[in-house]
Each structure stands twice: as structure tokens, then as C-alpha cells.
Amino acid sequence: MSTVLEYNKVVVDHFNQPRNAAGGPGADYVCGEGGSADNGAWMEFQLKLDKRRIQQARFRAYGCPHTIALASWLTDRLVGEQLLEDHVLDKKEVADVLGLPAEKMRSVLIAEDALRDCADKLSGAQA
């Protein structure tokens, strides 16, 4: 018996019409990635910052519709926030908004890894 995974309207919207999808990284952006395409899910965030405040966020991603939608949704959500070394996403909020089933929560961890990678690279560049 196979199960059919249903997607909520936010996932369908962001998967079909992703916001802030990016090409290659720009010179004014700090980039960080998480996950691995070989393991089925990968995200890269490209962030334009003023001090540590996110002014613009773009993404590239590989994975299931939940992964793509999460990356797209986050690029809208991150603008105006501070980029922190220990960036933690509100997993309950993400799960509620995107209707993420438990088996898809690893996408949130991949996004956190990508944001932390951005912060690490920013800190390294300022040292």
C-alpha cells in the first residue's frame, strides 16, 4: 500500500512559484550551504547584509517540494532579521505554516546549517 503525501497551499504556492531563487552567488552576498544533493536535499542561502541584518535573501535548493518551498518561504521571512552564529529556526512555526510531516523536518535542520554556514563565513571574513 502506498501513501500519497499531500502538500498544503503554502508548499504548493512556494514550490510552483518560488520567491528569490538565485543563480550563482553575487559579489555582495555571503553564501552558506547545508545538506547534500547526494543525500537528497541541499540548500544554499545567499544573503546581502548591512552589518549583520539581512537586507536581501536568495536561495538555491535541491530536494523534495517541502525543501524547495521551505527555502523560498525562508527567504521572505529572513529579511530584517539578524544573522546569528547559532541561528535556530522555530520548528513549530515552520511545521505549522508549511504542514511539514515529521519525516520532512530534516529540511529545517538543513536550512539551519546553511544559515550557520553563512554566519561562519561572515565571521571569518571580518576576522
N, C-alpha and C. Protein backbone atom coordinates (compact mmCIF):
# COMPACT_ATOMS: atom_id res chain seq x y z
N MET A 1 0.84 -1.17 0.00
CA MET A 1 0.00 0.00 0.00
C MET A 1 0.90 1.24 0.00
N SER A 2 0.68 2.12 -0.92
CA SER A 2 1.47 3.35 -0.95
C SER A 2 0.65 4.49 -0.34
N THR A 3 1.38 5.41 0.27
CA THR A 3 0.71 6.57 0.82
C THR A 3 0.99 7.77 -0.07
N VAL A 4 0.01 8.60 -0.22
CA VAL A 4 0.15 9.80 -1.03
C VAL A 4 0.36 10.96 -0.06
N LEU A 5 1.46 11.67 -0.26
CA LEU A 5 1.75 12.81 0.58
C LEU A 5 1.04 14.03 0.02
N GLU A 6 0.23 14.66 0.83
CA GLU A 6 -0.48 15.85 0.39
C GLU A 6 0.28 17.07 0.87
N TYR A 7 0.30 18.09 0.04
CA TYR A 7 1.00 19.33 0.35
C TYR A 7 -0.01 20.42 0.67
N ASN A 8 0.32 21.25 1.66
CA ASN A 8 -0.60 22.34 1.97
C ASN A 8 -0.43 23.46 0.94
N LYS A 9 -1.29 24.46 1.01
CA LYS A 9 -1.32 25.51 -0.02
C LYS A 9 -0.04 26.35 -0.02
N VAL A 10 0.61 26.54 1.13
CA VAL A 10 1.85 27.32 1.17
C VAL A 10 2.97 26.58 0.43
N VAL A 11 3.07 25.27 0.64
CA VAL A 11 4.08 24.47 -0.06
C VAL A 11 3.82 24.49 -1.56
N VAL A 12 2.60 24.28 -1.96
CA VAL A 12 2.26 24.28 -3.39
C VAL A 12 2.59 25.64 -4.01
N ASP A 13 2.22 26.72 -3.33
CA ASP A 13 2.48 28.06 -3.84
C ASP A 13 3.98 28.32 -3.99
N HIS A 14 4.76 28.06 -2.94
CA HIS A 14 6.20 28.34 -3.00
C HIS A 14 6.95 27.38 -3.91
N PHE A 15 6.45 26.15 -4.06
CA PHE A 15 7.09 25.21 -4.98
C PHE A 15 6.82 25.61 -6.43
N ASN A 16 5.57 25.97 -6.72
CA ASN A 16 5.20 26.34 -8.09
C ASN A 16 5.71 27.71 -8.50
N GLN A 17 5.84 28.62 -7.53
CA GLN A 17 6.28 29.99 -7.81
C GLN A 17 7.30 30.41 -6.76
N PRO A 18 8.50 29.82 -6.80
CA PRO A 18 9.49 30.13 -5.77
C PRO A 18 9.89 31.60 -5.78
N ARG A 19 10.04 32.15 -4.59
CA ARG A 19 10.48 33.53 -4.44
C ARG A 19 11.99 33.55 -4.24
N ASN A 20 12.62 34.54 -4.79
CA ASN A 20 14.03 34.82 -4.51
C ASN A 20 14.98 33.69 -4.90
N ALA A 21 14.62 32.91 -5.92
CA ALA A 21 15.53 31.88 -6.42
C ALA A 21 16.73 32.58 -7.05
N ALA A 22 17.90 32.02 -6.88
CA ALA A 22 19.12 32.68 -7.31
C ALA A 22 19.89 31.84 -8.31
N GLY A 23 20.72 32.53 -9.03
CA GLY A 23 21.70 31.85 -9.87
C GLY A 23 22.97 31.71 -9.05
N GLY A 24 24.09 32.02 -9.67
CA GLY A 24 25.35 31.98 -8.95
C GLY A 24 25.42 33.10 -7.93
N PRO A 25 26.27 32.94 -6.93
CA PRO A 25 26.38 33.95 -5.87
C PRO A 25 26.90 35.28 -6.41
N GLY A 26 26.38 36.36 -5.87
CA GLY A 26 26.83 37.69 -6.24
C GLY A 26 27.95 38.15 -5.33
N ALA A 27 28.68 39.16 -5.76
CA ALA A 27 29.84 39.64 -5.01
C ALA A 27 29.44 40.25 -3.67
N ASP A 28 28.26 40.81 -3.56
CA ASP A 28 27.84 41.48 -2.32
C ASP A 28 27.10 40.55 -1.35
N TYR A 29 27.15 39.26 -1.60
CA TYR A 29 26.38 38.31 -0.79
C TYR A 29 27.32 37.37 -0.04
N VAL A 30 26.91 37.01 1.18
CA VAL A 30 27.58 35.94 1.89
C VAL A 30 26.75 34.68 1.64
N CYS A 31 27.42 33.58 1.32
CA CYS A 31 26.73 32.35 0.94
C CYS A 31 27.04 31.23 1.92
N GLY A 32 26.05 30.44 2.20
CA GLY A 32 26.24 29.27 3.05
C GLY A 32 25.34 28.15 2.59
N GLU A 33 25.80 26.93 2.81
CA GLU A 33 25.01 25.78 2.36
C GLU A 33 24.91 24.72 3.44
N GLY A 34 23.91 23.88 3.27
CA GLY A 34 23.68 22.76 4.17
C GLY A 34 23.12 21.60 3.39
N GLY A 35 23.31 20.42 3.92
CA GLY A 35 22.82 19.22 3.26
C GLY A 35 23.71 18.80 2.12
N SER A 36 23.21 17.89 1.32
CA SER A 36 23.98 17.34 0.21
C SER A 36 23.02 16.81 -0.84
N ALA A 37 23.27 17.17 -2.08
CA ALA A 37 22.43 16.64 -3.17
C ALA A 37 22.53 15.12 -3.22
N ASP A 38 23.71 14.59 -2.89
CA ASP A 38 23.88 13.14 -2.88
C ASP A 38 22.98 12.46 -1.85
N ASN A 39 22.64 13.20 -0.78
CA ASN A 39 21.76 12.65 0.26
C ASN A 39 20.30 13.06 0.07
N GLY A 40 19.99 13.74 -1.04
CA GLY A 40 18.61 14.03 -1.37
C GLY A 40 18.10 15.41 -1.06
N ALA A 41 18.85 16.21 -0.31
CA ALA A 41 18.39 17.57 -0.01
C ALA A 41 19.59 18.47 0.23
N TRP A 42 19.57 19.64 -0.41
CA TRP A 42 20.65 20.62 -0.30
C TRP A 42 20.05 22.01 -0.41
N MET A 43 20.58 22.95 0.37
CA MET A 43 20.15 24.35 0.30
C MET A 43 21.36 25.25 0.37
N GLU A 44 21.28 26.33 -0.38
CA GLU A 44 22.26 27.40 -0.27
C GLU A 44 21.49 28.70 -0.10
N PHE A 45 21.89 29.49 0.89
CA PHE A 45 21.33 30.83 1.05
C PHE A 45 22.40 31.83 0.65
N GLN A 46 21.97 32.86 -0.03
CA GLN A 46 22.82 33.99 -0.42
C GLN A 46 22.20 35.21 0.24
N LEU A 47 22.94 35.79 1.18
CA LEU A 47 22.40 36.87 1.99
C LEU A 47 23.16 38.16 1.78
N LYS A 48 22.43 39.24 1.53
CA LYS A 48 23.02 40.58 1.46
C LYS A 48 22.75 41.20 2.83
N LEU A 49 23.82 41.69 3.46
CA LEU A 49 23.73 42.15 4.84
C LEU A 49 24.14 43.61 4.98
N ASP A 50 23.56 44.26 5.97
CA ASP A 50 24.03 45.56 6.44
C ASP A 50 24.36 45.32 7.90
N LYS A 51 25.66 45.37 8.19
CA LYS A 51 26.17 44.89 9.46
C LYS A 51 25.78 43.41 9.52
N ARG A 52 25.00 42.97 10.44
CA ARG A 52 24.57 41.56 10.46
C ARG A 52 23.07 41.43 10.15
N ARG A 53 22.42 42.52 9.77
CA ARG A 53 20.99 42.46 9.47
C ARG A 53 20.80 42.07 8.00
N ILE A 54 19.92 41.10 7.79
CA ILE A 54 19.66 40.58 6.45
C ILE A 54 18.80 41.58 5.67
N GLN A 55 19.36 42.08 4.57
CA GLN A 55 18.66 43.04 3.71
C GLN A 55 17.95 42.35 2.54
N GLN A 56 18.58 41.29 2.06
CA GLN A 56 18.01 40.52 0.95
C GLN A 56 18.47 39.08 1.09
N ALA A 57 17.59 38.15 0.77
CA ALA A 57 17.91 36.72 0.85
C ALA A 57 17.49 36.04 -0.44
N ARG A 58 18.40 35.22 -0.95
CA ARG A 58 18.13 34.41 -2.14
C ARG A 58 18.49 32.97 -1.81
N PHE A 59 18.04 32.05 -2.64
CA PHE A 59 18.35 30.64 -2.37
C PHE A 59 18.54 29.86 -3.66
N ARG A 60 19.24 28.75 -3.49
CA ARG A 60 19.27 27.66 -4.47
C ARG A 60 19.02 26.41 -3.64
N ALA A 61 18.29 25.46 -4.19
CA ALA A 61 17.96 24.26 -3.43
C ALA A 61 17.74 23.07 -4.35
N TYR A 62 17.98 21.91 -3.78
CA TYR A 62 17.71 20.64 -4.45
C TYR A 62 17.00 19.76 -3.44
N GLY A 63 15.90 19.18 -3.84
CA GLY A 63 15.20 18.26 -2.95
C GLY A 63 13.73 18.16 -3.29
N CYS A 64 12.98 17.67 -2.33
CA CYS A 64 11.54 17.46 -2.50
C CYS A 64 10.81 18.81 -2.47
N PRO A 65 9.53 18.81 -2.81
CA PRO A 65 8.76 20.06 -2.77
C PRO A 65 8.82 20.78 -1.41
N HIS A 66 8.84 20.03 -0.31
CA HIS A 66 8.94 20.67 1.00
C HIS A 66 10.25 21.44 1.14
N THR A 67 11.35 20.86 0.66
CA THR A 67 12.65 21.51 0.75
C THR A 67 12.68 22.80 -0.06
N ILE A 68 12.19 22.75 -1.29
CA ILE A 68 12.17 23.92 -2.16
C ILE A 68 11.26 25.00 -1.55
N ALA A 69 10.08 24.62 -1.11
CA ALA A 69 9.13 25.57 -0.54
C ALA A 69 9.69 26.20 0.74
N LEU A 70 10.34 25.41 1.58
CA LEU A 70 10.92 25.94 2.81
C LEU A 70 11.98 26.99 2.49
N ALA A 71 12.86 26.70 1.55
CA ALA A 71 13.92 27.66 1.19
C ALA A 71 13.29 28.94 0.64
N SER A 72 12.30 28.84 -0.20
CA SER A 72 11.62 30.01 -0.76
C SER A 72 10.94 30.82 0.34
N TRP A 73 10.18 30.15 1.19
CA TRP A 73 9.45 30.81 2.28
C TRP A 73 10.42 31.52 3.22
N LEU A 74 11.54 30.86 3.53
CA LEU A 74 12.51 31.46 4.44
C LEU A 74 13.14 32.73 3.88
N THR A 75 13.36 32.78 2.58
CA THR A 75 13.98 33.99 2.03
C THR A 75 13.11 35.21 2.28
N ASP A 76 11.80 35.06 2.25
CA ASP A 76 10.91 36.16 2.60
C ASP A 76 10.95 36.45 4.10
N ARG A 77 10.98 35.41 4.88
CA ARG A 77 10.90 35.51 6.35
C ARG A 77 12.16 36.09 6.97
N LEU A 78 13.31 35.85 6.36
CA LEU A 78 14.59 36.25 6.96
C LEU A 78 14.92 37.74 6.82
N VAL A 79 14.34 38.41 5.84
CA VAL A 79 14.65 39.82 5.62
C VAL A 79 14.31 40.62 6.87
N GLY A 80 15.31 41.39 7.33
CA GLY A 80 15.16 42.20 8.53
C GLY A 80 15.70 41.55 9.78
N GLU A 81 15.95 40.25 9.75
CA GLU A 81 16.48 39.55 10.93
C GLU A 81 17.99 39.69 11.01
N GLN A 82 18.51 39.49 12.22
CA GLN A 82 19.95 39.44 12.44
C GLN A 82 20.45 38.04 12.09
N LEU A 83 21.60 37.96 11.43
CA LEU A 83 22.23 36.68 11.15
C LEU A 83 23.08 36.31 12.35
N LEU A 84 22.75 35.22 12.98
CA LEU A 84 23.43 34.78 14.20
C LEU A 84 24.22 33.50 13.96
N GLU A 85 25.33 33.34 14.72
CA GLU A 85 26.14 32.13 14.59
C GLU A 85 25.36 30.88 14.98
N ASP A 86 24.45 31.03 15.93
CA ASP A 86 23.67 29.88 16.40
C ASP A 86 22.22 29.97 15.93
N HIS A 87 22.06 30.37 14.67
CA HIS A 87 20.71 30.60 14.13
C HIS A 87 19.85 29.35 14.29
N VAL A 88 18.74 29.52 14.97
CA VAL A 88 17.79 28.43 15.19
C VAL A 88 16.44 28.87 14.67
N LEU A 89 15.83 28.03 13.89
CA LEU A 89 14.50 28.32 13.36
C LEU A 89 13.44 27.78 14.31
N ASP A 90 12.31 28.44 14.34
CA ASP A 90 11.19 27.98 15.16
C ASP A 90 10.54 26.80 14.42
N LYS A 91 10.92 25.60 14.84
CA LYS A 91 10.48 24.39 14.13
C LYS A 91 8.96 24.23 14.16
N LYS A 92 8.34 24.62 15.26
CA LYS A 92 6.88 24.51 15.35
C LYS A 92 6.22 25.45 14.34
N GLU A 93 6.72 26.69 14.24
CA GLU A 93 6.16 27.63 13.28
C GLU A 93 6.32 27.10 11.85
N VAL A 94 7.53 26.63 11.53
CA VAL A 94 7.79 26.11 10.18
C VAL A 94 6.86 24.92 9.88
N ALA A 95 6.76 24.00 10.84
CA ALA A 95 5.90 22.84 10.64
C ALA A 95 4.44 23.24 10.46
N ASP A 96 4.00 24.22 11.26
CA ASP A 96 2.61 24.68 11.16
C ASP A 96 2.33 25.38 9.82
N VAL A 97 3.22 26.30 9.43
CA VAL A 97 2.99 27.08 8.21
C VAL A 97 3.07 26.20 6.96
N LEU A 98 4.08 25.32 6.92
CA LEU A 98 4.29 24.50 5.73
C LEU A 98 3.64 23.12 5.82
N GLY A 99 3.05 22.81 6.95
CA GLY A 99 2.44 21.50 7.11
C GLY A 99 3.45 20.37 6.97
N LEU A 100 4.65 20.59 7.52
CA LEU A 100 5.71 19.58 7.38
C LEU A 100 5.42 18.36 8.23
N PRO A 101 5.38 17.19 7.63
CA PRO A 101 5.29 15.97 8.43
C PRO A 101 6.63 15.72 9.12
N ALA A 102 6.62 14.95 10.17
CA ALA A 102 7.84 14.69 10.96
C ALA A 102 9.00 14.20 10.10
N GLU A 103 8.72 13.37 9.12
CA GLU A 103 9.80 12.82 8.29
C GLU A 103 10.44 13.86 7.37
N LYS A 104 9.85 15.04 7.26
CA LYS A 104 10.41 16.11 6.42
C LYS A 104 11.08 17.21 7.24
N MET A 105 11.13 17.07 8.55
CA MET A 105 11.72 18.09 9.41
C MET A 105 13.23 18.22 9.21
N ARG A 106 13.86 17.26 8.58
CA ARG A 106 15.30 17.39 8.34
C ARG A 106 15.59 18.58 7.42
N SER A 107 14.61 18.98 6.63
CA SER A 107 14.79 20.17 5.78
C SER A 107 15.04 21.41 6.63
N VAL A 108 14.40 21.49 7.79
CA VAL A 108 14.60 22.63 8.68
C VAL A 108 16.04 22.62 9.21
N LEU A 109 16.54 21.43 9.54
CA LEU A 109 17.92 21.32 10.04
C LEU A 109 18.92 21.70 8.95
N ILE A 110 18.62 21.34 7.71
CA ILE A 110 19.49 21.70 6.59
C ILE A 110 19.49 23.22 6.40
N ALA A 111 18.33 23.85 6.53
CA ALA A 111 18.25 25.31 6.43
C ALA A 111 19.05 25.97 7.54
N GLU A 112 18.94 25.45 8.76
CA GLU A 112 19.73 25.99 9.88
C GLU A 112 21.22 25.86 9.60
N ASP A 113 21.64 24.71 9.08
CA ASP A 113 23.05 24.51 8.74
C ASP A 113 23.52 25.53 7.71
N ALA A 114 22.69 25.80 6.71
CA ALA A 114 23.05 26.77 5.67
C ALA A 114 23.17 28.18 6.24
N LEU A 115 22.26 28.55 7.14
CA LEU A 115 22.32 29.87 7.77
C LEU A 115 23.54 29.99 8.68
N ARG A 116 23.85 28.93 9.41
CA ARG A 116 25.05 28.95 10.26
C ARG A 116 26.32 29.03 9.42
N ASP A 117 26.30 28.37 8.27
CA ASP A 117 27.45 28.45 7.37
C ASP A 117 27.65 29.89 6.88
N CYS A 118 26.55 30.57 6.58
CA CYS A 118 26.63 32.00 6.21
C CYS A 118 27.27 32.80 7.34
N ALA A 119 26.80 32.58 8.55
CA ALA A 119 27.32 33.32 9.71
C ALA A 119 28.80 33.01 9.93
N ASP A 120 29.18 31.75 9.80
CA ASP A 120 30.58 31.36 9.97
C ASP A 120 31.46 32.05 8.92
N LYS A 121 31.00 32.09 7.70
CA LYS A 121 31.78 32.73 6.63
C LYS A 121 31.87 34.24 6.85
N LEU A 122 30.79 34.84 7.32
CA LEU A 122 30.80 36.27 7.62
C LEU A 122 31.79 36.56 8.74
N SER A 123 31.76 35.77 9.79
CA SER A 123 32.68 35.96 10.91
C SER A 123 34.12 35.77 10.47
N GLY A 124 34.38 34.79 9.61
CA GLY A 124 35.72 34.56 9.09
C GLY A 124 36.21 35.70 8.23
N ALA A 125 35.31 36.31 7.47
CA ALA A 125 35.69 37.42 6.59
C ALA A 125 35.99 38.67 7.39
N GLN A 126 35.38 38.82 8.58
CA GLN A 126 35.57 40.01 9.40
C GLN A 126 36.75 39.87 10.34
N ALA A 127 37.31 38.66 10.44
CA ALA A 127 38.43 38.44 11.37
C ALA A 127 39.72 39.05 10.88
